[in-house]
Amino acid sequence: MGVRRVVPNVRVGSVEAAREFYGVLGFEEVMNHGWIMTVASAEVPTAQVSFYAEDDLTGPVSPDLSVEVDDVDAAYAAVQRSGAEIVHPLRDEEWGVRRFFVRDPDGRVVNVLGHR
């Protein structure tokens, strides 16, 4: 199982205001679902930050960061074997990702995902 990218998830009052501000720093919008938006560097596309207003559409809590892996089913099995707390079970989301949430030892929630 390999890691493809890691994206911090930052709660904001307005995803539009975040897009405008971080655009000044050279980031460009690469994904926007209204409640969550991701910006990336044009020069280094994996340099990304997501800004969200909420994640109550499918998740029980808002994750602190997202980790995209090349095999989310293998990651889920490894996390289950480790005994870590699964906060949100593995499921397919309508926007084309398969994901689950796990709590790290310091209490942060990690959104582990793969694109279908």
PDB file of N, CA and C in Angstrom:
ATOM      1  N   MET A   1       0.862  -1.173   0.000  1.00  0.00           N
ATOM      2  CA  MET A   1       0.000   0.000   0.000  1.00  0.00           C
ATOM      3  C   MET A   1       0.902   1.228   0.000  1.00  0.00           C
ATOM      4  N   GLY A   2       0.691   2.129  -0.958  1.00  0.00           N
ATOM      5  CA  GLY A   2       1.485   3.343  -1.042  1.00  0.00           C
ATOM      6  C   GLY A   2       0.653   4.596  -0.834  1.00  0.00           C
ATOM      7  N   VAL A   3       1.295   5.610  -0.283  1.00  0.00           N
ATOM      8  CA  VAL A   3       0.646   6.908  -0.079  1.00  0.00           C
ATOM      9  C   VAL A   3       0.846   7.749  -1.331  1.00  0.00           C
ATOM     10  N   ARG A   4      -0.229   8.294  -1.852  1.00  0.00           N
ATOM     11  CA  ARG A   4      -0.169   9.157  -3.039  1.00  0.00           C
ATOM     12  C   ARG A   4      -0.050  10.627  -2.679  1.00  0.00           C
ATOM     13  N   ARG A   5      -0.742  11.070  -1.619  1.00  0.00           N
ATOM     14  CA  ARG A   5      -0.677  12.471  -1.181  1.00  0.00           C
ATOM     15  C   ARG A   5      -1.289  12.594   0.199  1.00  0.00           C
ATOM     16  N   VAL A   6      -0.918  13.664   0.873  1.00  0.00           N
ATOM     17  CA  VAL A   6      -1.472  14.001   2.176  1.00  0.00           C
ATOM     18  C   VAL A   6      -1.960  15.437   2.088  1.00  0.00           C
ATOM     19  N   VAL A   7      -3.194  15.677   2.505  1.00  0.00           N
ATOM     20  CA  VAL A   7      -3.805  16.993   2.381  1.00  0.00           C
ATOM     21  C   VAL A   7      -4.365  17.419   3.735  1.00  0.00           C
ATOM     22  N   PRO A   8      -3.867  18.542   4.302  1.00  0.00           N
ATOM     23  CA  PRO A   8      -4.495  19.042   5.529  1.00  0.00           C
ATOM     24  C   PRO A   8      -5.896  19.565   5.230  1.00  0.00           C
ATOM     25  N   ASN A   9      -6.811  19.357   6.170  1.00  0.00           N
ATOM     26  CA  ASN A   9      -8.188  19.837   6.053  1.00  0.00           C
ATOM     27  C   ASN A   9      -8.385  20.944   7.079  1.00  0.00           C
ATOM     28  N   VAL A  10      -8.713  22.131   6.613  1.00  0.00           N
ATOM     29  CA  VAL A  10      -8.812  23.306   7.479  1.00  0.00           C
ATOM     30  C   VAL A  10     -10.258  23.799   7.496  1.00  0.00           C
ATOM     31  N   ARG A  11     -10.828  23.897   8.692  1.00  0.00           N
ATOM     32  CA  ARG A  11     -12.200  24.421   8.832  1.00  0.00           C
ATOM     33  C   ARG A  11     -12.164  25.935   8.659  1.00  0.00           C
ATOM     34  N   VAL A  12     -13.064  26.450   7.828  1.00  0.00           N
ATOM     35  CA  VAL A  12     -13.138  27.886   7.557  1.00  0.00           C
ATOM     36  C   VAL A  12     -14.589  28.340   7.624  1.00  0.00           C
ATOM     37  N   GLY A  13     -14.763  29.644   7.735  1.00  0.00           N
ATOM     38  CA  GLY A  13     -16.105  30.214   7.709  1.00  0.00           C
ATOM     39  C   GLY A  13     -16.656  30.287   6.298  1.00  0.00           C
ATOM     40  N   SER A  14     -15.756  30.442   5.319  1.00  0.00           N
ATOM     41  CA  SER A  14     -16.174  30.579   3.922  1.00  0.00           C
ATOM     42  C   SER A  14     -15.127  29.962   3.001  1.00  0.00           C
ATOM     43  N   VAL A  15     -15.536  28.932   2.249  1.00  0.00           N
ATOM     44  CA  VAL A  15     -14.588  28.333   1.304  1.00  0.00           C
ATOM     45  C   VAL A  15     -14.241  29.317   0.188  1.00  0.00           C
ATOM     46  N   GLU A  16     -15.175  30.199  -0.144  1.00  0.00           N
ATOM     47  CA  GLU A  16     -14.913  31.193  -1.195  1.00  0.00           C
ATOM     48  C   GLU A  16     -13.842  32.183  -0.753  1.00  0.00           C
ATOM     49  N   ALA A  17     -13.919  32.643   0.492  1.00  0.00           N
ATOM     50  CA  ALA A  17     -12.914  33.572   1.009  1.00  0.00           C
ATOM     51  C   ALA A  17     -11.549  32.900   1.069  1.00  0.00           C
ATOM     52  N   ALA A  18     -11.518  31.620   1.435  1.00  0.00           N
ATOM     53  CA  ALA A  18     -10.247  30.881   1.465  1.00  0.00           C
ATOM     54  C   ALA A  18      -9.667  30.767   0.061  1.00  0.00           C
ATOM     55  N   ARG A  19     -10.512  30.474  -0.933  1.00  0.00           N
ATOM     56  CA  ARG A  19     -10.047  30.370  -2.327  1.00  0.00           C
ATOM     57  C   ARG A  19      -9.421  31.680  -2.774  1.00  0.00           C
ATOM     58  N   GLU A  20     -10.080  32.780  -2.494  1.00  0.00           N
ATOM     59  CA  GLU A  20      -9.552  34.094  -2.889  1.00  0.00           C
ATOM     60  C   GLU A  20      -8.222  34.389  -2.209  1.00  0.00           C
ATOM     61  N   PHE A  21      -8.145  34.162  -0.889  1.00  0.00           N
ATOM     62  CA  PHE A  21      -6.924  34.460  -0.158  1.00  0.00           C
ATOM     63  C   PHE A  21      -5.758  33.594  -0.636  1.00  0.00           C
ATOM     64  N   TYR A  22      -5.966  32.278  -0.710  1.00  0.00           N
ATOM     65  CA  TYR A  22      -4.879  31.387  -1.100  1.00  0.00           C
ATOM     66  C   TYR A  22      -4.550  31.493  -2.582  1.00  0.00           C
ATOM     67  N   GLY A  23      -5.478  32.022  -3.373  1.00  0.00           N
ATOM     68  CA  GLY A  23      -5.178  32.331  -4.774  1.00  0.00           C
ATOM     69  C   GLY A  23      -4.095  33.387  -4.895  1.00  0.00           C
ATOM     70  N   VAL A  24      -4.109  34.327  -3.961  1.00  0.00           N
ATOM     71  CA  VAL A  24      -3.072  35.366  -3.936  1.00  0.00           C
ATOM     72  C   VAL A  24      -1.694  34.729  -3.748  1.00  0.00           C
ATOM     73  N   LEU A  25      -1.642  33.606  -3.030  1.00  0.00           N
ATOM     74  CA  LEU A  25      -0.378  32.913  -2.786  1.00  0.00           C
ATOM     75  C   LEU A  25       0.003  31.948  -3.908  1.00  0.00           C
ATOM     76  N   GLY A  26      -0.830  31.867  -4.943  1.00  0.00           N
ATOM     77  CA  GLY A  26      -0.509  31.032  -6.093  1.00  0.00           C
ATOM     78  C   GLY A  26      -1.240  29.711  -6.171  1.00  0.00           C
ATOM     79  N   PHE A  27      -2.159  29.461  -5.240  1.00  0.00           N
ATOM     80  CA  PHE A  27      -2.932  28.225  -5.296  1.00  0.00           C
ATOM     81  C   PHE A  27      -4.100  28.379  -6.251  1.00  0.00           C
ATOM     82  N   GLU A  28      -4.468  27.271  -6.904  1.00  0.00           N
ATOM     83  CA  GLU A  28      -5.606  27.247  -7.814  1.00  0.00           C
ATOM     84  C   GLU A  28      -6.608  26.189  -7.340  1.00  0.00           C
ATOM     85  N   GLU A  29      -7.885  26.494  -7.499  1.00  0.00           N
ATOM     86  CA  GLU A  29      -8.927  25.536  -7.120  1.00  0.00           C
ATOM     87  C   GLU A  29      -8.851  24.316  -8.022  1.00  0.00           C
ATOM     88  N   VAL A  30      -8.837  23.122  -7.408  1.00  0.00           N
ATOM     89  CA  VAL A  30      -8.814  21.884  -8.190  1.00  0.00           C
ATOM     90  C   VAL A  30     -10.027  21.001  -7.918  1.00  0.00           C
ATOM     91  N   MET A  31     -10.782  21.305  -6.838  1.00  0.00           N
ATOM     92  CA  MET A  31     -11.981  20.548  -6.514  1.00  0.00           C
ATOM     93  C   MET A  31     -12.850  21.420  -5.633  1.00  0.00           C
ATOM     94  N   ASN A  32     -14.166  21.405  -5.892  1.00  0.00           N
ATOM     95  CA  ASN A  32     -15.078  22.183  -5.063  1.00  0.00           C
ATOM     96  C   ASN A  32     -16.437  21.496  -5.041  1.00  0.00           C
ATOM     97  N   HIS A  33     -16.847  21.078  -3.847  1.00  0.00           N
ATOM     98  CA  HIS A  33     -18.167  20.474  -3.659  1.00  0.00           C
ATOM     99  C   HIS A  33     -19.107  21.415  -2.912  1.00  0.00           C
ATOM    100  N   GLY A  34     -18.717  22.672  -2.802  1.00  0.00           N
ATOM    101  CA  GLY A  34     -19.535  23.641  -2.085  1.00  0.00           C
ATOM    102  C   GLY A  34     -19.187  23.689  -0.610  1.00  0.00           C
ATOM    103  N   TRP A  35     -19.216  22.551   0.059  1.00  0.00           N
ATOM    104  CA  TRP A  35     -18.886  22.484   1.489  1.00  0.00           C
ATOM    105  C   TRP A  35     -17.415  22.197   1.737  1.00  0.00           C
ATOM    106  N   ILE A  36     -16.718  21.683   0.715  1.00  0.00           N
ATOM    107  CA  ILE A  36     -15.270  21.460   0.791  1.00  0.00           C
ATOM    108  C   ILE A  36     -14.652  21.815  -0.551  1.00  0.00           C
ATOM    109  N   MET A  37     -13.483  22.472  -0.470  1.00  0.00           N
ATOM    110  CA  MET A  37     -12.772  22.895  -1.679  1.00  0.00           C
ATOM    111  C   MET A  37     -11.295  22.609  -1.468  1.00  0.00           C
ATOM    112  N   THR A  38     -10.628  22.146  -2.518  1.00  0.00           N
ATOM    113  CA  THR A  38      -9.198  21.889  -2.461  1.00  0.00           C
ATOM    114  C   THR A  38      -8.497  22.813  -3.437  1.00  0.00           C
ATOM    115  N   VAL A  39      -7.387  23.394  -2.971  1.00  0.00           N
ATOM    116  CA  VAL A  39      -6.537  24.214  -3.825  1.00  0.00           C
ATOM    117  C   VAL A  39      -5.186  23.527  -3.926  1.00  0.00           C
ATOM    118  N   ALA A  40      -4.502  23.777  -5.048  1.00  0.00           N
ATOM    119  CA  ALA A  40      -3.208  23.148  -5.291  1.00  0.00           C
ATOM    120  C   ALA A  40      -2.280  24.121  -5.988  1.00  0.00           C
ATOM    121  N   SER A  41      -1.011  23.845  -5.875  1.00  0.00           N
ATOM    122  CA  SER A  41       0.007  24.594  -6.595  1.00  0.00           C
ATOM    123  C   SER A  41       0.021  24.128  -8.043  1.00  0.00           C
ATOM    124  N   ALA A  42       0.075  25.066  -8.982  1.00  0.00           N
ATOM    125  CA  ALA A  42       0.158  24.698 -10.401  1.00  0.00           C
ATOM    126  C   ALA A  42       1.500  24.020 -10.694  1.00  0.00           C
ATOM    127  N   GLU A  43       2.546  24.433  -9.994  1.00  0.00           N
ATOM    128  CA  GLU A  43       3.884  23.885 -10.229  1.00  0.00           C
ATOM    129  C   GLU A  43       4.092  22.523  -9.565  1.00  0.00           C
ATOM    130  N   VAL A  44       3.471  22.332  -8.411  1.00  0.00           N
ATOM    131  CA  VAL A  44       3.594  21.072  -7.664  1.00  0.00           C
ATOM    132  C   VAL A  44       2.166  20.635  -7.310  1.00  0.00           C
ATOM    133  N   PRO A  45       1.484  19.947  -8.213  1.00  0.00           N
ATOM    134  CA  PRO A  45       0.061  19.645  -8.029  1.00  0.00           C
ATOM    135  C   PRO A  45      -0.282  18.865  -6.764  1.00  0.00           C
ATOM    136  N   THR A  46       0.662  18.141  -6.188  1.00  0.00           N
ATOM    137  CA  THR A  46       0.366  17.402  -4.958  1.00  0.00           C
ATOM    138  C   THR A  46       0.502  18.272  -3.717  1.00  0.00           C
ATOM    139  N   ALA A  47       0.955  19.529  -3.871  1.00  0.00           N
ATOM    140  CA  ALA A  47       0.971  20.483  -2.753  1.00  0.00           C
ATOM    141  C   ALA A  47      -0.434  21.059  -2.654  1.00  0.00           C
ATOM    142  N   GLN A  48      -1.224  20.533  -1.735  1.00  0.00           N
ATOM    143  CA  GLN A  48      -2.645  20.851  -1.664  1.00  0.00           C
ATOM    144  C   GLN A  48      -3.086  21.159  -0.233  1.00  0.00           C
ATOM    145  N   VAL A  49      -4.174  21.924  -0.140  1.00  0.00           N
ATOM    146  CA  VAL A  49      -4.853  22.189   1.121  1.00  0.00           C
ATOM    147  C   VAL A  49      -6.348  22.147   0.828  1.00  0.00           C
ATOM    148  N   SER A  50      -7.104  21.518   1.718  1.00  0.00           N
ATOM    149  CA  SER A  50      -8.562  21.529   1.587  1.00  0.00           C
ATOM    150  C   SER A  50      -9.146  22.432   2.663  1.00  0.00           C
ATOM    151  N   PHE A  51     -10.184  23.165   2.292  1.00  0.00           N
ATOM    152  CA  PHE A  51     -10.898  24.048   3.210  1.00  0.00           C
ATOM    153  C   PHE A  51     -12.349  23.590   3.227  1.00  0.00           C
ATOM    154  N   TYR A  52     -12.916  23.453   4.409  1.00  0.00           N
ATOM    155  CA  TYR A  52     -14.284  22.972   4.494  1.00  0.00           C
ATOM    156  C   TYR A  52     -15.088  23.813   5.470  1.00  0.00           C
ATOM    157  N   ALA A  53     -16.365  23.874   5.196  1.00  0.00           N
ATOM    158  CA  ALA A  53     -17.301  24.529   6.104  1.00  0.00           C
ATOM    159  C   ALA A  53     -17.944  23.475   7.005  1.00  0.00           C
ATOM    160  N   GLU A  54     -18.074  22.265   6.501  1.00  0.00           N
ATOM    161  CA  GLU A  54     -18.656  21.151   7.250  1.00  0.00           C
ATOM    162  C   GLU A  54     -18.460  19.870   6.466  1.00  0.00           C
ATOM    163  N   ASP A  55     -18.599  18.750   7.132  1.00  0.00           N
ATOM    164  CA  ASP A  55     -18.567  17.444   6.463  1.00  0.00           C
ATOM    165  C   ASP A  55     -19.662  16.584   7.059  1.00  0.00           C
ATOM    166  N   ASP A  56     -20.853  17.145   7.125  1.00  0.00           N
ATOM    167  CA  ASP A  56     -21.941  16.390   7.732  1.00  0.00           C
ATOM    168  C   ASP A  56     -22.773  15.632   6.710  1.00  0.00           C
ATOM    169  N   LEU A  57     -22.339  15.651   5.453  1.00  0.00           N
ATOM    170  CA  LEU A  57     -23.096  14.917   4.450  1.00  0.00           C
ATOM    171  C   LEU A  57     -22.958  13.414   4.646  1.00  0.00           C
ATOM    172  N   THR A  58     -21.756  12.957   4.998  1.00  0.00           N
ATOM    173  CA  THR A  58     -21.549  11.518   5.136  1.00  0.00           C
ATOM    174  C   THR A  58     -20.731  11.131   6.347  1.00  0.00           C
ATOM    175  N   GLY A  59     -19.977  12.041   6.917  1.00  0.00           N
ATOM    176  CA  GLY A  59     -19.096  11.683   8.015  1.00  0.00           C
ATOM    177  C   GLY A  59     -19.627  12.120   9.364  1.00  0.00           C
ATOM    178  N   PRO A  60     -19.304  11.350  10.419  1.00  0.00           N
ATOM    179  CA  PRO A  60     -19.765  11.696  11.757  1.00  0.00           C
ATOM    180  C   PRO A  60     -18.985  12.854  12.378  1.00  0.00           C
ATOM    181  N   VAL A  61     -17.766  13.081  11.902  1.00  0.00           N
ATOM    182  CA  VAL A  61     -16.911  14.170  12.371  1.00  0.00           C
ATOM    183  C   VAL A  61     -16.143  14.704  11.173  1.00  0.00           C
ATOM    184  N   SER A  62     -15.545  15.869  11.329  1.00  0.00           N
ATOM    185  CA  SER A  62     -14.725  16.438  10.257  1.00  0.00           C
ATOM    186  C   SER A  62     -13.283  16.001  10.457  1.00  0.00           C
ATOM    187  N   PRO A  63     -12.672  15.412   9.423  1.00  0.00           N
ATOM    188  CA  PRO A  63     -11.303  14.933   9.561  1.00  0.00           C
ATOM    189  C   PRO A  63     -10.289  16.078   9.558  1.00  0.00           C
ATOM    190  N   ASP A  64      -9.166  15.849  10.243  1.00  0.00           N
ATOM    191  CA  ASP A  64      -8.093  16.836  10.316  1.00  0.00           C
ATOM    192  C   ASP A  64      -7.184  16.797   9.093  1.00  0.00           C
ATOM    193  N   LEU A  65      -7.042  15.634   8.488  1.00  0.00           N
ATOM    194  CA  LEU A  65      -6.255  15.524   7.273  1.00  0.00           C
ATOM    195  C   LEU A  65      -6.749  14.355   6.457  1.00  0.00           C
ATOM    196  N   SER A  66      -6.399  14.380   5.184  1.00  0.00           N
ATOM    197  CA  SER A  66      -6.760  13.296   4.275  1.00  0.00           C
ATOM    198  C   SER A  66      -5.488  12.659   3.750  1.00  0.00           C
ATOM    199  N   VAL A  67      -5.502  11.345   3.680  1.00  0.00           N
ATOM    200  CA  VAL A  67      -4.380  10.595   3.132  1.00  0.00           C
ATOM    201  C   VAL A  67      -4.928   9.746   1.998  1.00  0.00           C
ATOM    202  N   GLU A  68      -4.478  10.037   0.777  1.00  0.00           N
ATOM    203  CA  GLU A  68      -4.882   9.236  -0.372  1.00  0.00           C
ATOM    204  C   GLU A  68      -3.890   8.098  -0.538  1.00  0.00           C
ATOM    205  N   VAL A  69      -4.413   6.879  -0.608  1.00  0.00           N
ATOM    206  CA  VAL A  69      -3.580   5.695  -0.768  1.00  0.00           C
ATOM    207  C   VAL A  69      -3.934   4.992  -2.075  1.00  0.00           C
ATOM    208  N   ASP A  70      -3.029   4.132  -2.523  1.00  0.00           N
ATOM    209  CA  ASP A  70      -3.300   3.433  -3.779  1.00  0.00           C
ATOM    210  C   ASP A  70      -4.198   2.208  -3.596  1.00  0.00           C
ATOM    211  N   ASP A  71      -4.404   1.746  -2.345  1.00  0.00           N
ATOM    212  CA  ASP A  71      -5.276   0.606  -2.080  1.00  0.00           C
ATOM    213  C   ASP A  71      -5.992   0.828  -0.742  1.00  0.00           C
ATOM    214  N   VAL A  72      -7.139   1.472  -0.801  1.00  0.00           N
ATOM    215  CA  VAL A  72      -7.857   1.827   0.423  1.00  0.00           C
ATOM    216  C   VAL A  72      -8.378   0.593   1.160  1.00  0.00           C
ATOM    217  N   ASP A  73      -8.678  -0.480   0.437  1.00  0.00           N
ATOM    218  CA  ASP A  73      -9.141  -1.695   1.101  1.00  0.00           C
ATOM    219  C   ASP A  73      -8.013  -2.320   1.927  1.00  0.00           C
ATOM    220  N   ALA A  74      -6.802  -2.312   1.393  1.00  0.00           N
ATOM    221  CA  ALA A  74      -5.647  -2.822   2.135  1.00  0.00           C
ATOM    222  C   ALA A  74      -5.364  -1.939   3.350  1.00  0.00           C
ATOM    223  N   ALA A  75      -5.507  -0.621   3.187  1.00  0.00           N
ATOM    224  CA  ALA A  75      -5.297   0.300   4.310  1.00  0.00           C
ATOM    225  C   ALA A  75      -6.332   0.042   5.401  1.00  0.00           C
ATOM    226  N   TYR A  76      -7.572  -0.170   5.014  1.00  0.00           N
ATOM    227  CA  TYR A  76      -8.639  -0.449   5.984  1.00  0.00           C
ATOM    228  C   TYR A  76      -8.347  -1.726   6.763  1.00  0.00           C
ATOM    229  N   ALA A  77      -7.925  -2.767   6.044  1.00  0.00           N
ATOM    230  CA  ALA A  77      -7.603  -4.034   6.701  1.00  0.00           C
ATOM    231  C   ALA A  77      -6.437  -3.861   7.668  1.00  0.00           C
ATOM    232  N   ALA A  78      -5.419  -3.099   7.275  1.00  0.00           N
ATOM    233  CA  ALA A  78      -4.256  -2.863   8.136  1.00  0.00           C
ATOM    234  C   ALA A  78      -4.662  -2.092   9.392  1.00  0.00           C
ATOM    235  N   VAL A  79      -5.528  -1.091   9.230  1.00  0.00           N
ATOM    236  CA  VAL A  79      -5.986  -0.305  10.385  1.00  0.00           C
ATOM    237  C   VAL A  79      -6.820  -1.181  11.321  1.00  0.00           C
ATOM    238  N   GLN A  80      -7.671  -2.018  10.754  1.00  0.00           N
ATOM    239  CA  GLN A  80      -8.468  -2.927  11.590  1.00  0.00           C
ATOM    240  C   GLN A  80      -7.552  -3.848  12.399  1.00  0.00           C
ATOM    241  N   ARG A  81      -6.526  -4.405  11.756  1.00  0.00           N
ATOM    242  CA  ARG A  81      -5.589  -5.299  12.451  1.00  0.00           C
ATOM    243  C   ARG A  81      -4.830  -4.568  13.554  1.00  0.00           C
ATOM    244  N   SER A  82      -4.580  -3.255  13.340  1.00  0.00           N
ATOM    245  CA  SER A  82      -3.803  -2.482  14.322  1.00  0.00           C
ATOM    246  C   SER A  82      -4.587  -2.200  15.596  1.00  0.00           C
ATOM    247  N   GLY A  83      -5.907  -2.283  15.504  1.00  0.00           N
ATOM    248  CA  GLY A  83      -6.750  -1.986  16.657  1.00  0.00           C
ATOM    249  C   GLY A  83      -7.082  -0.514  16.825  1.00  0.00           C
ATOM    250  N   ALA A  84      -6.648   0.334  15.886  1.00  0.00           N
ATOM    251  CA  ALA A  84      -6.966   1.766  15.952  1.00  0.00           C
ATOM    252  C   ALA A  84      -8.479   1.955  15.824  1.00  0.00           C
ATOM    253  N   GLU A  85      -8.964   3.052  16.392  1.00  0.00           N
ATOM    254  CA  GLU A  85     -10.403   3.334  16.370  1.00  0.00           C
ATOM    255  C   GLU A  85     -10.847   3.787  14.984  1.00  0.00           C
ATOM    256  N   ILE A  86     -11.739   3.043  14.385  1.00  0.00           N
ATOM    257  CA  ILE A  86     -12.339   3.444  13.115  1.00  0.00           C
ATOM    258  C   ILE A  86     -13.547   4.301  13.463  1.00  0.00           C
ATOM    259  N   VAL A  87     -13.505   5.553  13.022  1.00  0.00           N
ATOM    260  CA  VAL A  87     -14.527   6.534  13.361  1.00  0.00           C
ATOM    261  C   VAL A  87     -15.679   6.498  12.360  1.00  0.00           C
ATOM    262  N   HIS A  88     -15.360   6.146  11.118  1.00  0.00           N
ATOM    263  CA  HIS A  88     -16.338   6.119  10.029  1.00  0.00           C
ATOM    264  C   HIS A  88     -15.961   4.921   9.159  1.00  0.00           C
ATOM    265  N   PRO A  89     -16.850   3.952   8.981  1.00  0.00           N
ATOM    266  CA  PRO A  89     -16.484   2.727   8.256  1.00  0.00           C
ATOM    267  C   PRO A  89     -16.222   2.965   6.771  1.00  0.00           C
ATOM    268  N   LEU A  90     -15.528   2.025   6.191  1.00  0.00           N
ATOM    269  CA  LEU A  90     -15.209   2.073   4.766  1.00  0.00           C
ATOM    270  C   LEU A  90     -16.491   2.094   3.947  1.00  0.00           C
ATOM    271  N   ARG A  91     -16.558   3.058   3.028  1.00  0.00           N
ATOM    272  CA  ARG A  91     -17.740   3.148   2.165  1.00  0.00           C
ATOM    273  C   ARG A  91     -17.408   3.926   0.896  1.00  0.00           C
ATOM    274  N   ASP A  92     -18.220   3.711  -0.121  1.00  0.00           N
ATOM    275  CA  ASP A  92     -18.107   4.441  -1.374  1.00  0.00           C
ATOM    276  C   ASP A  92     -18.947   5.699  -1.275  1.00  0.00           C
ATOM    277  N   GLU A  93     -18.344   6.833  -1.628  1.00  0.00           N
ATOM    278  CA  GLU A  93     -19.049   8.109  -1.597  1.00  0.00           C
ATOM    279  C   GLU A  93     -19.519   8.465  -3.009  1.00  0.00           C
ATOM    280  N   GLU A  94     -20.586   9.234  -3.086  1.00  0.00           N
ATOM    281  CA  GLU A  94     -21.194   9.580  -4.369  1.00  0.00           C
ATOM    282  C   GLU A  94     -20.279  10.401  -5.259  1.00  0.00           C
ATOM    283  N   TRP A  95     -19.247  11.045  -4.696  1.00  0.00           N
ATOM    284  CA  TRP A  95     -18.365  11.891  -5.502  1.00  0.00           C
ATOM    285  C   TRP A  95     -17.134  11.132  -6.009  1.00  0.00           C
ATOM    286  N   GLY A  96     -17.153   9.803  -5.919  1.00  0.00           N
ATOM    287  CA  GLY A  96     -16.135   9.004  -6.583  1.00  0.00           C
ATOM    288  C   GLY A  96     -14.952   8.559  -5.744  1.00  0.00           C
ATOM    289  N   VAL A  97     -15.063   8.649  -4.417  1.00  0.00           N
ATOM    290  CA  VAL A  97     -13.990   8.138  -3.579  1.00  0.00           C
ATOM    291  C   VAL A  97     -14.523   7.015  -2.696  1.00  0.00           C
ATOM    292  N   ARG A  98     -13.620   6.173  -2.277  1.00  0.00           N
ATOM    293  CA  ARG A  98     -13.898   5.138  -1.284  1.00  0.00           C
ATOM    294  C   ARG A  98     -13.065   5.548  -0.086  1.00  0.00           C
ATOM    295  N   ARG A  99     -13.689   5.650   1.110  1.00  0.00           N
ATOM    296  CA  ARG A  99     -12.955   6.204   2.240  1.00  0.00           C
ATOM    297  C   ARG A  99     -13.426   5.653   3.573  1.00  0.00           C
ATOM    298  N   PHE A 100     -12.578   5.890   4.580  1.00  0.00           N
ATOM    299  CA  PHE A 100     -12.930   5.627   5.973  1.00  0.00           C
ATOM    300  C   PHE A 100     -12.173   6.645   6.823  1.00  0.00           C
ATOM    301  N   PHE A 101     -12.634   6.819   8.068  1.00  0.00           N
ATOM    302  CA  PHE A 101     -11.959   7.713   9.012  1.00  0.00           C
ATOM    303  C   PHE A 101     -11.382   6.864  10.140  1.00  0.00           C
ATOM    304  N   VAL A 102     -10.173   7.209  10.570  1.00  0.00           N
ATOM    305  CA  VAL A 102      -9.530   6.537  11.689  1.00  0.00           C
ATOM    306  C   VAL A 102      -8.962   7.599  12.627  1.00  0.00           C
ATOM    307  N   ARG A 103      -8.958   7.310  13.926  1.00  0.00           N
ATOM    308  CA  ARG A 103      -8.412   8.248  14.908  1.00  0.00           C
ATOM    309  C   ARG A 103      -6.959   7.886  15.188  1.00  0.00           C
ATOM    310  N   ASP A 104      -6.062   8.884  15.115  1.00  0.00           N
ATOM    311  CA  ASP A 104      -4.649   8.632  15.405  1.00  0.00           C
ATOM    312  C   ASP A 104      -4.424   8.643  16.918  1.00  0.00           C
ATOM    313  N   PRO A 105      -3.224   8.273  17.397  1.00  0.00           N
ATOM    314  CA  PRO A 105      -2.987   8.188  18.840  1.00  0.00           C
ATOM    315  C   PRO A 105      -3.197   9.486  19.605  1.00  0.00           C
ATOM    316  N   ASP A 106      -3.129  10.647  18.918  1.00  0.00           N
ATOM    317  CA  ASP A 106      -3.334  11.930  19.581  1.00  0.00           C
ATOM    318  C   ASP A 106      -4.746  12.467  19.423  1.00  0.00           C
ATOM    319  N   GLY A 107      -5.639  11.660  18.840  1.00  0.00           N
ATOM    320  CA  GLY A 107      -7.037  12.041  18.740  1.00  0.00           C
ATOM    321  C   GLY A 107      -7.441  12.710  17.440  1.00  0.00           C
ATOM    322  N   ARG A 108      -6.471  12.942  16.540  1.00  0.00           N
ATOM    323  CA  ARG A 108      -6.824  13.532  15.247  1.00  0.00           C
ATOM    324  C   ARG A 108      -7.527  12.500  14.377  1.00  0.00           C
ATOM    325  N   VAL A 109      -8.473  12.976  13.582  1.00  0.00           N
ATOM    326  CA  VAL A 109      -9.214  12.082  12.687  1.00  0.00           C
ATOM    327  C   VAL A 109      -8.605  12.181  11.290  1.00  0.00           C
ATOM    328  N   VAL A 110      -8.259  11.014  10.741  1.00  0.00           N
ATOM    329  CA  VAL A 110      -7.630  10.924   9.420  1.00  0.00           C
ATOM    330  C   VAL A 110      -8.639  10.306   8.454  1.00  0.00           C
ATOM    331  N   ASN A 111      -8.873  11.002   7.352  1.00  0.00           N
ATOM    332  CA  ASN A 111      -9.715  10.528   6.263  1.00  0.00           C
ATOM    333  C   ASN A 111      -8.791   9.767   5.310  1.00  0.00           C
ATOM    334  N   VAL A 112      -8.928   8.446   5.237  1.00  0.00           N
ATOM    335  CA  VAL A 112      -8.104   7.628   4.351  1.00  0.00           C
ATOM    336  C   VAL A 112      -8.951   7.303   3.139  1.00  0.00           C
ATOM    337  N   LEU A 113      -8.452   7.617   1.957  1.00  0.00           N
ATOM    338  CA  LEU A 113      -9.284   7.491   0.766  1.00  0.00           C
ATOM    339  C   LEU A 113      -8.525   6.980  -0.441  1.00  0.00           C
ATOM    340  N   GLY A 114      -9.286   6.502  -1.381  1.00  0.00           N
ATOM    341  CA  GLY A 114      -8.795   6.126  -2.695  1.00  0.00           C
ATOM    342  C   GLY A 114      -9.844   6.520  -3.707  1.00  0.00           C
ATOM    343  N   HIS A 115      -9.403   6.909  -4.895  1.00  0.00           N
ATOM    344  CA  HIS A 115     -10.360   7.245  -5.954  1.00  0.00           C
ATOM    345  C   HIS A 115     -10.779   5.971  -6.666  1.00  0.00           C
ATOM    346  N   ARG A 116     -12.089   5.874  -6.958  1.00  0.00           N
ATOM    347  CA  ARG A 116     -12.606   4.695  -7.648  1.00  0.00           C
ATOM    348  C   ARG A 116     -12.394   4.831  -9.135  1.00  0.00           C
TER     349      ARG A 116
END
